[in-house]
Amino acid sequence: MRVIVAIFFLSVLLIIAPARAQDSPVAAGQGRAPSPTPAEIEMQRRMAKQRNQERFAKIKKDTDQLLELATQLKKSVDQASEETLSLEVIRKAEQIEKLARQVHHKMVAE
């Protein structure tokens, strides 16, 4: 019984393997992607430039917000006493930290 099952699976494998090889792009001579046309290269260059401009605009907006938050934090710390800092000051510092990490990530990405 085992021999019959083994022969069955072997025959199925031998039938399927050549059919799958014909479907592969390497067997059909399509192993490499066609080289991009000059128009495609130009479009990719323009898209990359646009992405960089958008990324720079976001970084600029976030750094402006960072400056505003840091200014607010400075005012709050100046008004606080030596012994206590308000919860607002702590939250503002956390917000600054989070935004600074986001700006750093955007700067090193791409």
N, C-alpha and C. Protein backbone atom coordinates (compact mmCIF):
# COMPACT_ATOMS: atom_id res chain seq x y z
N MET A 1 0.82 -1.20 0.00
CA MET A 1 0.00 0.00 0.00
C MET A 1 0.86 1.26 0.00
N ARG A 2 1.92 1.26 0.82
CA ARG A 2 2.81 2.41 0.86
C ARG A 2 3.49 2.63 -0.48
N VAL A 3 3.83 1.56 -1.14
CA VAL A 3 4.49 1.67 -2.44
C VAL A 3 3.56 2.32 -3.45
N ILE A 4 2.30 1.99 -3.41
CA ILE A 4 1.32 2.56 -4.34
C ILE A 4 1.16 4.05 -4.07
N VAL A 5 1.08 4.44 -2.81
CA VAL A 5 0.93 5.85 -2.44
C VAL A 5 2.18 6.62 -2.88
N ALA A 6 3.35 6.03 -2.65
CA ALA A 6 4.60 6.69 -3.03
C ALA A 6 4.67 6.88 -4.55
N ILE A 7 4.29 5.87 -5.30
CA ILE A 7 4.30 5.95 -6.76
C ILE A 7 3.31 7.01 -7.23
N PHE A 8 2.17 7.09 -6.60
CA PHE A 8 1.16 8.09 -6.95
C PHE A 8 1.71 9.50 -6.75
N PHE A 9 2.29 9.77 -5.57
CA PHE A 9 2.84 11.11 -5.30
C PHE A 9 4.00 11.44 -6.22
N LEU A 10 4.82 10.45 -6.53
CA LEU A 10 5.95 10.67 -7.43
C LEU A 10 5.45 11.02 -8.84
N SER A 11 4.43 10.31 -9.30
CA SER A 11 3.89 10.59 -10.63
C SER A 11 3.23 11.97 -10.67
N VAL A 12 2.54 12.35 -9.61
CA VAL A 12 1.93 13.69 -9.56
C VAL A 12 3.02 14.75 -9.57
N LEU A 13 4.08 14.53 -8.82
CA LEU A 13 5.19 15.47 -8.77
C LEU A 13 5.85 15.60 -10.15
N LEU A 14 6.02 14.50 -10.85
CA LEU A 14 6.63 14.54 -12.17
C LEU A 14 5.74 15.23 -13.19
N ILE A 15 4.46 15.18 -13.01
CA ILE A 15 3.53 15.85 -13.92
C ILE A 15 3.48 17.35 -13.64
N ILE A 16 3.49 17.71 -12.36
CA ILE A 16 3.35 19.12 -11.98
C ILE A 16 4.63 19.90 -12.20
N ALA A 17 5.79 19.34 -11.91
CA ALA A 17 7.06 20.06 -11.98
C ALA A 17 7.34 20.65 -13.36
N PRO A 18 7.22 19.91 -14.47
CA PRO A 18 7.47 20.54 -15.78
C PRO A 18 6.46 21.63 -16.12
N ALA A 19 5.23 21.48 -15.70
CA ALA A 19 4.22 22.50 -15.97
C ALA A 19 4.55 23.78 -15.22
N ARG A 20 5.03 23.68 -13.98
CA ARG A 20 5.39 24.87 -13.19
C ARG A 20 6.63 25.54 -13.76
N ALA A 21 7.55 24.77 -14.31
CA ALA A 21 8.76 25.34 -14.88
C ALA A 21 8.45 26.18 -16.10
N GLN A 22 7.44 25.80 -16.87
CA GLN A 22 7.07 26.58 -18.05
C GLN A 22 6.44 27.90 -17.66
N ASP A 23 5.81 27.97 -16.50
CA ASP A 23 5.17 29.19 -16.05
C ASP A 23 6.16 30.20 -15.48
N SER A 24 7.35 29.78 -15.12
CA SER A 24 8.29 30.69 -14.47
C SER A 24 8.85 31.67 -15.49
N PRO A 25 9.10 32.92 -15.08
CA PRO A 25 9.62 33.93 -16.00
C PRO A 25 11.02 33.61 -16.48
N VAL A 26 11.83 32.90 -15.68
CA VAL A 26 13.19 32.56 -16.10
C VAL A 26 13.14 31.58 -17.26
N ALA A 27 12.24 30.61 -17.19
CA ALA A 27 12.13 29.63 -18.27
C ALA A 27 11.64 30.28 -19.56
N ALA A 28 10.85 31.32 -19.44
CA ALA A 28 10.32 31.98 -20.63
C ALA A 28 11.24 33.08 -21.14
N GLY A 29 12.44 33.24 -20.53
CA GLY A 29 13.36 34.27 -20.98
C GLY A 29 13.04 35.64 -20.41
N GLN A 30 12.23 35.68 -19.38
CA GLN A 30 11.82 36.95 -18.78
C GLN A 30 12.42 37.10 -17.39
N GLY A 31 13.59 36.59 -17.16
CA GLY A 31 14.22 36.61 -15.84
C GLY A 31 14.57 38.01 -15.39
N ARG A 32 14.85 38.91 -16.30
CA ARG A 32 15.22 40.28 -15.96
C ARG A 32 14.09 41.23 -16.31
N ALA A 33 13.95 42.23 -15.48
CA ALA A 33 12.95 43.26 -15.76
C ALA A 33 13.48 44.14 -16.90
N PRO A 34 12.61 44.63 -17.75
CA PRO A 34 13.07 45.49 -18.84
C PRO A 34 13.63 46.79 -18.27
N SER A 35 14.63 47.34 -18.93
CA SER A 35 15.23 48.58 -18.44
C SER A 35 14.22 49.72 -18.63
N PRO A 36 14.19 50.65 -17.68
CA PRO A 36 13.22 51.74 -17.76
C PRO A 36 13.53 52.68 -18.92
N THR A 37 12.50 53.23 -19.48
CA THR A 37 12.65 54.18 -20.58
C THR A 37 13.07 55.53 -20.01
N PRO A 38 13.61 56.42 -20.84
CA PRO A 38 13.98 57.76 -20.34
C PRO A 38 12.81 58.51 -19.73
N ALA A 39 11.62 58.32 -20.27
CA ALA A 39 10.44 58.98 -19.70
C ALA A 39 10.14 58.45 -18.31
N GLU A 40 10.30 57.14 -18.12
CA GLU A 40 10.07 56.55 -16.78
C GLU A 40 11.12 57.03 -15.78
N ILE A 41 12.35 57.14 -16.24
CA ILE A 41 13.42 57.64 -15.36
C ILE A 41 13.14 59.07 -14.95
N GLU A 42 12.71 59.90 -15.88
CA GLU A 42 12.39 61.29 -15.58
C GLU A 42 11.21 61.39 -14.61
N MET A 43 10.20 60.56 -14.82
CA MET A 43 9.04 60.57 -13.93
C MET A 43 9.45 60.15 -12.52
N GLN A 44 10.30 59.13 -12.39
CA GLN A 44 10.77 58.69 -11.09
C GLN A 44 11.58 59.79 -10.41
N ARG A 45 12.39 60.51 -11.19
CA ARG A 45 13.19 61.61 -10.63
C ARG A 45 12.29 62.73 -10.12
N ARG A 46 11.26 63.07 -10.90
CA ARG A 46 10.32 64.11 -10.46
C ARG A 46 9.55 63.70 -9.22
N MET A 47 9.15 62.43 -9.17
CA MET A 47 8.41 61.95 -7.99
C MET A 47 9.31 61.97 -6.75
N ALA A 48 10.56 61.59 -6.90
CA ALA A 48 11.50 61.61 -5.77
C ALA A 48 11.72 63.04 -5.29
N LYS A 49 11.83 63.97 -6.24
CA LYS A 49 12.02 65.38 -5.88
C LYS A 49 10.79 65.90 -5.13
N GLN A 50 9.61 65.53 -5.59
CA GLN A 50 8.38 65.97 -4.93
C GLN A 50 8.29 65.39 -3.52
N ARG A 51 8.66 64.11 -3.36
CA ARG A 51 8.64 63.50 -2.03
C ARG A 51 9.61 64.21 -1.09
N ASN A 52 10.78 64.58 -1.60
CA ASN A 52 11.75 65.30 -0.77
C ASN A 52 11.24 66.68 -0.37
N GLN A 53 10.57 67.36 -1.29
CA GLN A 53 10.01 68.67 -0.98
C GLN A 53 8.92 68.56 0.08
N GLU A 54 8.07 67.54 -0.03
CA GLU A 54 7.02 67.34 0.96
C GLU A 54 7.61 67.00 2.32
N ARG A 55 8.65 66.15 2.32
CA ARG A 55 9.30 65.77 3.57
C ARG A 55 9.93 67.00 4.23
N PHE A 56 10.59 67.84 3.42
CA PHE A 56 11.20 69.05 3.96
C PHE A 56 10.15 69.99 4.54
N ALA A 57 9.01 70.12 3.85
CA ALA A 57 7.94 70.99 4.35
C ALA A 57 7.41 70.48 5.70
N LYS A 58 7.26 69.17 5.83
CA LYS A 58 6.80 68.60 7.11
C LYS A 58 7.83 68.83 8.21
N ILE A 59 9.10 68.67 7.88
CA ILE A 59 10.15 68.90 8.88
C ILE A 59 10.15 70.35 9.32
N LYS A 60 10.01 71.27 8.37
CA LYS A 60 9.98 72.69 8.71
C LYS A 60 8.79 73.01 9.61
N LYS A 61 7.62 72.48 9.27
CA LYS A 61 6.42 72.72 10.09
C LYS A 61 6.62 72.17 11.50
N ASP A 62 7.17 70.95 11.60
CA ASP A 62 7.38 70.34 12.91
C ASP A 62 8.42 71.10 13.74
N THR A 63 9.48 71.61 13.09
CA THR A 63 10.48 72.36 13.85
C THR A 63 9.93 73.70 14.31
N ASP A 64 9.06 74.31 13.52
CA ASP A 64 8.39 75.53 13.97
C ASP A 64 7.54 75.25 15.21
N GLN A 65 6.85 74.11 15.18
CA GLN A 65 6.04 73.71 16.34
C GLN A 65 6.93 73.41 17.54
N LEU A 66 8.08 72.79 17.30
CA LEU A 66 9.03 72.52 18.38
C LEU A 66 9.50 73.81 19.04
N LEU A 67 9.80 74.80 18.23
CA LEU A 67 10.23 76.09 18.77
C LEU A 67 9.14 76.71 19.63
N GLU A 68 7.92 76.66 19.16
CA GLU A 68 6.78 77.21 19.92
C GLU A 68 6.62 76.48 21.26
N LEU A 69 6.67 75.15 21.22
CA LEU A 69 6.54 74.36 22.45
C LEU A 69 7.68 74.64 23.42
N ALA A 70 8.90 74.75 22.90
CA ALA A 70 10.05 75.02 23.76
C ALA A 70 9.93 76.40 24.41
N THR A 71 9.42 77.36 23.66
CA THR A 71 9.21 78.70 24.21
C THR A 71 8.17 78.67 25.33
N GLN A 72 7.08 77.94 25.10
CA GLN A 72 6.05 77.79 26.13
C GLN A 72 6.60 77.08 27.37
N LEU A 73 7.42 76.06 27.15
CA LEU A 73 8.01 75.32 28.27
C LEU A 73 8.92 76.24 29.07
N LYS A 74 9.71 77.04 28.40
CA LYS A 74 10.60 77.98 29.10
C LYS A 74 9.81 78.93 29.97
N LYS A 75 8.71 79.49 29.45
CA LYS A 75 7.86 80.39 30.23
C LYS A 75 7.30 79.68 31.45
N SER A 76 6.83 78.46 31.25
CA SER A 76 6.23 77.72 32.35
C SER A 76 7.26 77.39 33.43
N VAL A 77 8.44 77.03 33.03
CA VAL A 77 9.50 76.72 34.01
C VAL A 77 9.93 77.98 34.74
N ASP A 78 10.01 79.08 34.03
CA ASP A 78 10.37 80.35 34.68
C ASP A 78 9.35 80.75 35.72
N GLN A 79 8.09 80.45 35.50
CA GLN A 79 7.03 80.82 36.43
C GLN A 79 6.88 79.83 37.59
N ALA A 80 7.41 78.62 37.42
CA ALA A 80 7.27 77.60 38.47
C ALA A 80 8.26 77.88 39.60
N SER A 81 7.92 77.36 40.77
CA SER A 81 8.82 77.51 41.91
C SER A 81 9.89 76.42 41.86
N GLU A 82 10.89 76.55 42.71
CA GLU A 82 11.98 75.59 42.73
C GLU A 82 11.54 74.22 43.18
N GLU A 83 10.52 74.15 44.02
CA GLU A 83 10.12 72.88 44.61
C GLU A 83 9.10 72.11 43.79
N THR A 84 8.34 72.79 42.96
CA THR A 84 7.28 72.10 42.22
C THR A 84 7.27 72.50 40.75
N LEU A 85 7.04 71.51 39.96
CA LEU A 85 6.78 71.74 38.55
C LEU A 85 5.38 71.24 38.27
N SER A 86 4.63 71.99 37.51
CA SER A 86 3.25 71.60 37.26
C SER A 86 3.19 70.43 36.29
N LEU A 87 2.05 69.77 36.32
CA LEU A 87 1.82 68.65 35.41
C LEU A 87 1.85 69.14 33.96
N GLU A 88 1.43 70.36 33.75
CA GLU A 88 1.45 70.95 32.40
C GLU A 88 2.88 71.02 31.86
N VAL A 89 3.84 71.37 32.71
CA VAL A 89 5.24 71.46 32.30
C VAL A 89 5.76 70.08 31.90
N ILE A 90 5.43 69.08 32.66
CA ILE A 90 5.87 67.72 32.38
C ILE A 90 5.26 67.23 31.07
N ARG A 91 3.99 67.48 30.86
CA ARG A 91 3.33 67.08 29.61
C ARG A 91 3.93 67.80 28.41
N LYS A 92 4.22 69.08 28.58
CA LYS A 92 4.81 69.86 27.50
C LYS A 92 6.19 69.28 27.14
N ALA A 93 6.97 68.90 28.14
CA ALA A 93 8.29 68.32 27.89
C ALA A 93 8.16 66.99 27.15
N GLU A 94 7.18 66.18 27.53
CA GLU A 94 6.93 64.91 26.84
C GLU A 94 6.52 65.14 25.40
N GLN A 95 5.68 66.15 25.19
CA GLN A 95 5.23 66.48 23.84
C GLN A 95 6.42 66.93 22.98
N ILE A 96 7.31 67.72 23.56
CA ILE A 96 8.49 68.16 22.84
C ILE A 96 9.37 66.97 22.48
N GLU A 97 9.56 66.07 23.43
CA GLU A 97 10.38 64.89 23.19
C GLU A 97 9.82 64.04 22.04
N LYS A 98 8.51 63.83 22.06
CA LYS A 98 7.86 63.03 21.02
C LYS A 98 8.02 63.69 19.65
N LEU A 99 7.79 64.98 19.59
CA LEU A 99 7.90 65.70 18.32
C LEU A 99 9.35 65.72 17.83
N ALA A 100 10.29 65.87 18.75
CA ALA A 100 11.70 65.87 18.36
C ALA A 100 12.10 64.51 17.78
N ARG A 101 11.59 63.44 18.34
CA ARG A 101 11.88 62.11 17.79
C ARG A 101 11.29 61.97 16.39
N GLN A 102 10.08 62.49 16.18
CA GLN A 102 9.46 62.42 14.86
C GLN A 102 10.27 63.21 13.83
N VAL A 103 10.74 64.37 14.22
CA VAL A 103 11.55 65.20 13.31
C VAL A 103 12.85 64.46 12.99
N HIS A 104 13.48 63.90 13.99
CA HIS A 104 14.72 63.16 13.77
C HIS A 104 14.48 61.99 12.81
N HIS A 105 13.40 61.26 13.01
CA HIS A 105 13.08 60.12 12.14
C HIS A 105 12.87 60.59 10.70
N LYS A 106 12.17 61.71 10.52
CA LYS A 106 11.93 62.22 9.16
C LYS A 106 13.23 62.67 8.51
N MET A 107 14.16 63.18 9.31
CA MET A 107 15.42 63.65 8.75
C MET A 107 16.30 62.50 8.28
N VAL A 108 16.31 61.42 9.02
CA VAL A 108 17.20 60.31 8.65
C VAL A 108 16.55 59.35 7.67
N ALA A 109 15.22 59.39 7.51
CA ALA A 109 14.53 58.53 6.56
C ALA A 109 14.85 58.98 5.15
N GLU A 110 15.02 58.05 4.30
CA GLU A 110 15.31 58.25 2.87
C GLU A 110 16.63 58.83 2.67
